[in-house]
C-alpha atoms as a PDB file:
ATOM      1  CA  UNK A   1     -15.893  31.168  30.775  1.00  0.00           C
ATOM      2  CA  UNK A   2     -14.548  27.790  29.726  1.00  0.00           C
ATOM      3  CA  UNK A   3     -15.258  26.325  26.343  1.00  0.00           C
ATOM      4  CA  UNK A   4     -17.148  23.457  27.923  1.00  0.00           C
ATOM      5  CA  UNK A   5     -19.852  25.870  29.128  1.00  0.00           C
ATOM      6  CA  UNK A   6     -19.983  28.066  26.121  1.00  0.00           C
ATOM      7  CA  UNK A   7     -21.940  26.415  23.262  1.00  0.00           C
ATOM      8  CA  UNK A   8     -20.896  29.063  20.740  1.00  0.00           C
ATOM      9  CA  UNK A   9     -17.218  28.534  21.448  1.00  0.00           C
ATOM     10  CA  UNK A  10     -17.651  24.802  21.265  1.00  0.00           C
ATOM     11  CA  UNK A  11     -19.467  25.093  17.943  1.00  0.00           C
ATOM     12  CA  UNK A  12     -16.772  27.344  16.382  1.00  0.00           C
ATOM     13  CA  UNK A  13     -13.947  25.166  17.761  1.00  0.00           C
ATOM     14  CA  UNK A  14     -15.616  22.070  16.206  1.00  0.00           C
ATOM     15  CA  UNK A  15     -16.064  23.941  12.873  1.00  0.00           C
ATOM     16  CA  UNK A  16     -12.437  25.084  12.866  1.00  0.00           C
ATOM     17  CA  UNK A  17     -11.229  21.781  11.462  1.00  0.00           C
ATOM     18  CA  UNK A  18     -11.771  20.971   7.744  1.00  0.00           C
ATOM     19  CA  UNK A  19     -12.163  17.208   8.434  1.00  0.00           C
ATOM     20  CA  UNK A  20     -15.002  17.942  10.890  1.00  0.00           C
ATOM     21  CA  UNK A  21     -16.648  20.343   8.390  1.00  0.00           C
ATOM     22  CA  UNK A  22     -16.477  17.634   5.766  1.00  0.00           C
ATOM     23  CA  UNK A  23     -18.103  15.154   8.162  1.00  0.00           C
ATOM     24  CA  UNK A  24     -20.925  17.629   8.808  1.00  0.00           C
ATOM     25  CA  UNK A  25     -21.345  18.211   5.075  1.00  0.00           C
ATOM     26  CA  UNK A  26     -21.683  14.462   4.609  1.00  0.00           C
ATOM     27  CA  UNK A  27     -24.174  14.124   7.429  1.00  0.00           C
ATOM     28  CA  UNK A  28     -26.255  16.970   5.884  1.00  0.00           C
ATOM     29  CA  UNK A  29     -27.047  14.440   3.156  1.00  0.00           C
ATOM     30  CA  UNK A  30     -28.361  11.967   5.745  1.00  0.00           C
ATOM     31  CA  UNK A  31     -27.281   9.641   8.556  1.00  0.00           C
ATOM     32  CA  UNK A  32     -24.112   7.622   8.092  1.00  0.00           C
ATOM     33  CA  UNK A  33     -22.135   4.924   9.865  1.00  0.00           C
ATOM     34  CA  UNK A  34     -18.786   5.759  11.313  1.00  0.00           C
ATOM     35  CA  UNK A  35     -17.160   3.622   8.697  1.00  0.00           C
ATOM     36  CA  UNK A  36     -18.865   5.603   5.860  1.00  0.00           C
ATOM     37  CA  UNK A  37     -17.773   8.874   7.498  1.00  0.00           C
ATOM     38  CA  UNK A  38     -14.215   7.674   7.827  1.00  0.00           C
ATOM     39  CA  UNK A  39     -13.824   6.242   4.280  1.00  0.00           C
ATOM     40  CA  UNK A  40     -12.939   9.520   2.404  1.00  0.00           C
ATOM     41  CA  UNK A  41     -10.116  10.358   4.856  1.00  0.00           C
ATOM     42  CA  UNK A  42      -6.676   8.831   5.065  1.00  0.00           C
ATOM     43  CA  UNK A  43      -6.524   9.088   8.899  1.00  0.00           C
ATOM     44  CA  UNK A  44      -6.726   6.458  11.577  1.00  0.00           C
ATOM     45  CA  UNK A  45      -9.935   5.213  13.168  1.00  0.00           C
ATOM     46  CA  UNK A  46      -8.924   6.728  16.531  1.00  0.00           C
ATOM     47  CA  UNK A  47      -8.523  10.110  14.776  1.00  0.00           C
ATOM     48  CA  UNK A  48     -12.010   9.837  13.230  1.00  0.00           C
ATOM     49  CA  UNK A  49     -13.336   8.887  16.680  1.00  0.00           C
ATOM     50  CA  UNK A  50     -11.778  12.073  18.111  1.00  0.00           C
ATOM     51  CA  UNK A  51     -13.315  14.204  15.455  1.00  0.00           C
ATOM     52  CA  UNK A  52     -16.716  12.643  16.096  1.00  0.00           C
ATOM     53  CA  UNK A  53     -16.338  13.153  19.845  1.00  0.00           C
ATOM     54  CA  UNK A  54     -15.607  16.845  19.308  1.00  0.00           C
ATOM     55  CA  UNK A  55     -18.649  17.163  17.097  1.00  0.00           C
ATOM     56  CA  UNK A  56     -20.855  15.289  19.564  1.00  0.00           C
ATOM     57  CA  UNK A  57     -19.521  17.331  22.530  1.00  0.00           C
ATOM     58  CA  UNK A  58     -20.427  20.469  20.581  1.00  0.00           C
ATOM     59  CA  UNK A  59     -23.898  19.080  20.086  1.00  0.00           C
ATOM     60  CA  UNK A  60     -23.527  19.116  16.278  1.00  0.00           C
ATOM     61  CA  UNK A  61     -24.047  15.414  15.838  1.00  0.00           C
ATOM     62  CA  UNK A  62     -25.771  12.644  17.610  1.00  0.00           C
ATOM     63  CA  UNK A  63     -24.296   9.080  17.738  1.00  0.00           C
ATOM     64  CA  UNK A  64     -26.281   5.915  18.275  1.00  0.00           C
ATOM     65  CA  UNK A  65     -25.428   2.253  18.359  1.00  0.00           C
ATOM     66  CA  UNK A  66     -27.735  -0.010  16.355  1.00  0.00           C
ATOM     67  CA  UNK A  67     -26.620  -3.649  16.731  1.00  0.00           C
ATOM     68  CA  UNK A  68     -23.064  -3.586  15.542  1.00  0.00           C
ATOM     69  CA  UNK A  69     -23.332  -0.271  13.619  1.00  0.00           C
ATOM     70  CA  UNK A  70     -22.435   3.128  15.018  1.00  0.00           C
ATOM     71  CA  UNK A  71     -24.684   5.638  13.264  1.00  0.00           C
ATOM     72  CA  UNK A  72     -24.252   9.400  13.238  1.00  0.00           C
ATOM     73  CA  UNK A  73     -26.928  12.065  12.584  1.00  0.00           C
ATOM     74  CA  UNK A  74     -26.556  15.753  12.046  1.00  0.00           C
ATOM     75  CA  UNK A  75     -28.154  18.035  14.642  1.00  0.00           C
ATOM     76  CA  UNK A  76     -28.445  21.081  12.415  1.00  0.00           C
ATOM     77  CA  UNK A  77     -30.403  22.982  15.110  1.00  0.00           C
ATOM     78  CA  UNK A  78     -27.176  23.120  17.140  1.00  0.00           C
ATOM     79  CA  UNK A  79     -25.793  25.498  14.489  1.00  0.00           C
ATOM     80  CA  UNK A  80     -28.495  28.035  15.257  1.00  0.00           C
ATOM     81  CA  UNK A  81     -26.378  29.928  17.801  1.00  0.00           C
ATOM     82  CA  UNK A  82     -23.453  30.296  15.380  1.00  0.00           C
ATOM     83  CA  UNK A  83     -25.835  31.354  12.638  1.00  0.00           C
ATOM     84  CA  UNK A  84     -27.463  34.004  14.792  1.00  0.00           C
ATOM     85  CA  UNK A  85     -24.095  35.345  15.942  1.00  0.00           C
ATOM     86  CA  UNK A  86     -22.795  35.599  12.357  1.00  0.00           C
ATOM     87  CA  UNK A  87     -26.043  37.112  11.196  1.00  0.00           C
ATOM     88  CA  UNK A  88     -25.526  40.038  13.455  1.00  0.00           C
ATOM     89  CA  UNK A  89     -22.200  40.817  11.866  1.00  0.00           C
ATOM     90  CA  UNK A  90     -23.557  40.250   8.354  1.00  0.00           C
ATOM     91  CA  UNK A  91     -26.163  42.905   8.994  1.00  0.00           C
ATOM     92  CA  UNK A  92     -23.553  45.197  10.424  1.00  0.00           C
ATOM     93  CA  UNK A  93     -21.320  44.958   7.388  1.00  0.00           C
ATOM     94  CA  UNK A  94     -24.215  45.261   4.962  1.00  0.00           C
ATOM     95  CA  UNK A  95     -25.347  48.427   6.747  1.00  0.00           C
ATOM     96  CA  UNK A  96     -21.825  49.832   6.610  1.00  0.00           C
ATOM     97  CA  UNK A  97     -21.534  49.067   2.882  1.00  0.00           C
ATOM     98  CA  UNK A  98     -24.968  50.633   2.252  1.00  0.00           C
ATOM     99  CA  UNK A  99     -23.761  53.808   4.008  1.00  0.00           C
ATOM    100  CA  UNK A 100     -20.517  53.743   1.950  1.00  0.00           C
ATOM    101  CA  UNK A 101     -22.487  53.428  -1.301  1.00  0.00           C
ATOM    102  CA  UNK A 102     -24.736  56.326  -0.253  1.00  0.00           C
ATOM    103  CA  UNK A 103     -21.692  58.453   0.645  1.00  0.00           C
ATOM    104  CA  UNK A 104     -19.958  57.725  -2.683  1.00  0.00           C
ATOM    105  CA  UNK A 105     -23.107  58.524  -4.636  1.00  0.00           C
ATOM    106  CA  UNK A 106     -23.558  61.765  -2.655  1.00  0.00           C
ATOM    107  CA  UNK A 107     -20.027  62.935  -3.081  1.00  0.00           C
ATOM    108  CA  UNK A 108     -19.485  61.857  -6.716  1.00  0.00           C
ATOM    109  CA  UNK A 109     -22.955  62.496  -8.028  1.00  0.00           C
ATOM    110  CA  UNK A 110     -23.932  61.163 -11.415  1.00  0.00           C
ATOM    111  CA  UNK A 111     -20.432  60.398 -12.582  1.00  0.00           C
ATOM    112  CA  UNK A 112     -20.614  57.153 -10.592  1.00  0.00           C
ATOM    113  CA  UNK A 113     -24.004  56.168 -12.016  1.00  0.00           C
ATOM    114  CA  UNK A 114     -23.094  56.576 -15.712  1.00  0.00           C
ATOM    115  CA  UNK A 115     -21.655  53.447 -17.221  1.00  0.00           C
ATOM    116  CA  UNK A 116     -17.994  53.743 -18.190  1.00  0.00           C
ATOM    117  CA  UNK A 117     -17.709  53.737 -22.033  1.00  0.00           C
ATOM    118  CA  UNK A 118     -14.373  52.855 -23.494  1.00  0.00           C
ATOM    119  CA  UNK A 119     -13.497  54.732 -26.625  1.00  0.00           C
ATOM    120  CA  UNK A 120     -11.616  53.035 -29.454  1.00  0.00           C
ATOM    121  CA  UNK A 121      -8.488  54.661 -30.629  1.00  0.00           C
ATOM    122  CA  UNK A 122      -8.677  55.810 -34.304  1.00  0.00           C
END
Protein backbone atom coordinates (compact mmCIF):
# COMPACT_ATOMS: atom_id res chain seq x y z
CA UNK A 1 0.00 0.00 0.00
CA UNK A 2 1.47 3.37 -0.96
CA UNK A 3 1.67 6.24 1.47
CA UNK A 4 -0.71 8.25 -0.75
CA UNK A 5 -3.56 5.84 -0.02
CA UNK A 6 -2.80 5.20 3.64
CA UNK A 7 -3.98 8.11 5.81
CA UNK A 8 -2.22 6.78 8.92
CA UNK A 9 1.16 6.63 7.17
CA UNK A 10 0.60 10.09 5.70
CA UNK A 11 -0.23 11.44 9.15
CA UNK A 12 2.84 9.93 10.82
CA UNK A 13 5.09 11.01 7.93
CA UNK A 14 3.80 14.56 8.32
CA UNK A 15 4.30 14.44 12.10
CA UNK A 16 7.85 13.10 11.75
CA UNK A 17 9.28 16.56 11.12
CA UNK A 18 9.72 18.99 14.06
CA UNK A 19 8.98 22.03 11.89
CA UNK A 20 5.64 20.56 10.83
CA UNK A 21 4.82 19.67 14.45
CA UNK A 22 5.60 23.27 15.45
CA UNK A 23 3.32 24.53 12.68
CA UNK A 24 0.52 22.27 13.95
CA UNK A 25 1.09 23.48 17.52
CA UNK A 26 0.78 27.08 16.34
CA UNK A 27 -2.40 26.29 14.39
CA UNK A 28 -3.88 24.63 17.49
CA UNK A 29 -4.01 28.19 18.89
CA UNK A 30 -6.05 29.40 15.90
CA UNK A 31 -5.81 30.10 12.19
CA UNK A 32 -2.72 31.83 10.85
CA UNK A 33 -1.37 33.25 7.64
CA UNK A 34 1.50 31.53 5.88
CA UNK A 35 3.69 34.50 6.83
CA UNK A 36 2.81 34.12 10.50
CA UNK A 37 3.58 30.40 10.34
CA UNK A 38 6.91 31.03 8.61
CA UNK A 39 8.15 33.81 10.92
CA UNK A 40 9.59 31.63 13.76
CA UNK A 41 11.69 29.58 11.32
CA UNK A 42 14.91 30.50 9.57
CA UNK A 43 14.03 28.58 6.42
CA UNK A 44 13.05 29.74 2.96
CA UNK A 45 9.51 30.46 1.81
CA UNK A 46 9.63 27.49 -0.58
CA UNK A 47 10.63 25.23 2.33
CA UNK A 48 7.66 26.46 4.40
CA UNK A 49 5.42 25.89 1.38
CA UNK A 50 6.66 22.30 1.11
CA UNK A 51 5.96 21.72 4.82
CA UNK A 52 2.46 23.14 4.40
CA UNK A 53 1.86 20.98 1.34
CA UNK A 54 2.83 17.84 3.29
CA UNK A 55 0.48 18.83 6.12
CA UNK A 56 -2.34 19.59 3.68
CA UNK A 57 -1.80 16.36 1.73
CA UNK A 58 -2.03 14.45 5.02
CA UNK A 59 -5.29 16.26 5.74
CA UNK A 60 -3.91 17.88 8.89
CA UNK A 61 -4.41 21.46 7.72
CA UNK A 62 -6.68 23.29 5.37
CA UNK A 63 -5.45 26.23 3.32
CA UNK A 64 -7.58 29.00 1.90
CA UNK A 65 -6.92 32.15 -0.04
CA UNK A 66 -8.64 35.27 1.24
CA UNK A 67 -7.85 38.21 -1.01
CA UNK A 68 -4.06 38.38 -0.83
CA UNK A 69 -3.72 36.32 2.35
CA UNK A 70 -3.11 32.59 2.48
CA UNK A 71 -4.70 31.36 5.69
CA UNK A 72 -4.17 27.96 7.27
CA UNK A 73 -6.48 26.11 9.67
CA UNK A 74 -5.82 23.01 11.75
CA UNK A 75 -7.97 19.98 10.97
CA UNK A 76 -7.60 18.26 14.34
CA UNK A 77 -10.12 15.57 13.38
CA UNK A 78 -7.53 14.27 10.91
CA UNK A 79 -5.40 13.19 13.88
CA UNK A 80 -8.13 10.81 15.09
CA UNK A 81 -6.70 7.82 13.20
CA UNK A 82 -3.24 8.32 14.71
CA UNK A 83 -4.74 8.81 18.16
CA UNK A 84 -6.80 5.64 17.90
CA UNK A 85 -3.81 3.63 16.67
CA UNK A 86 -1.60 4.89 19.51
CA UNK A 87 -4.37 4.33 22.06
CA UNK A 88 -4.38 0.61 21.24
CA UNK A 89 -0.70 0.38 22.16
CA UNK A 90 -1.08 2.57 25.23
CA UNK A 91 -3.72 0.17 26.56
CA UNK A 92 -1.48 -2.78 25.67
CA UNK A 93 1.47 -1.39 27.65
CA UNK A 94 -0.68 -0.34 30.59
CA UNK A 95 -2.15 -3.85 30.76
CA UNK A 96 1.35 -5.34 30.65
CA UNK A 97 2.55 -3.01 33.41
CA UNK A 98 -0.49 -3.85 35.53
CA UNK A 99 0.32 -7.55 35.14
CA UNK A 100 3.96 -6.88 36.06
CA UNK A 101 2.94 -4.99 39.21
CA UNK A 102 0.59 -7.83 40.20
CA UNK A 103 3.36 -10.39 39.61
CA UNK A 104 5.90 -8.44 41.67
CA UNK A 105 3.42 -7.98 44.52
CA UNK A 106 2.55 -11.70 44.43
CA UNK A 107 6.14 -12.88 44.39
CA UNK A 108 7.56 -10.36 46.86
CA UNK A 109 4.58 -10.06 49.18
CA UNK A 110 4.47 -7.28 51.71
CA UNK A 111 8.15 -6.36 51.48
CA UNK A 112 7.33 -4.35 48.34
CA UNK A 113 4.41 -2.55 49.99
CA UNK A 114 6.26 -1.34 53.09
CA UNK A 115 7.99 2.01 52.62
CA UNK A 116 11.75 1.85 52.71
CA UNK A 117 13.05 3.52 55.87
CA UNK A 118 16.61 4.69 55.89
CA UNK A 119 18.38 4.31 59.20
CA UNK A 120 20.84 6.92 60.35
CA UNK A 121 24.26 5.73 61.34
CA UNK A 122 25.08 6.36 65.05
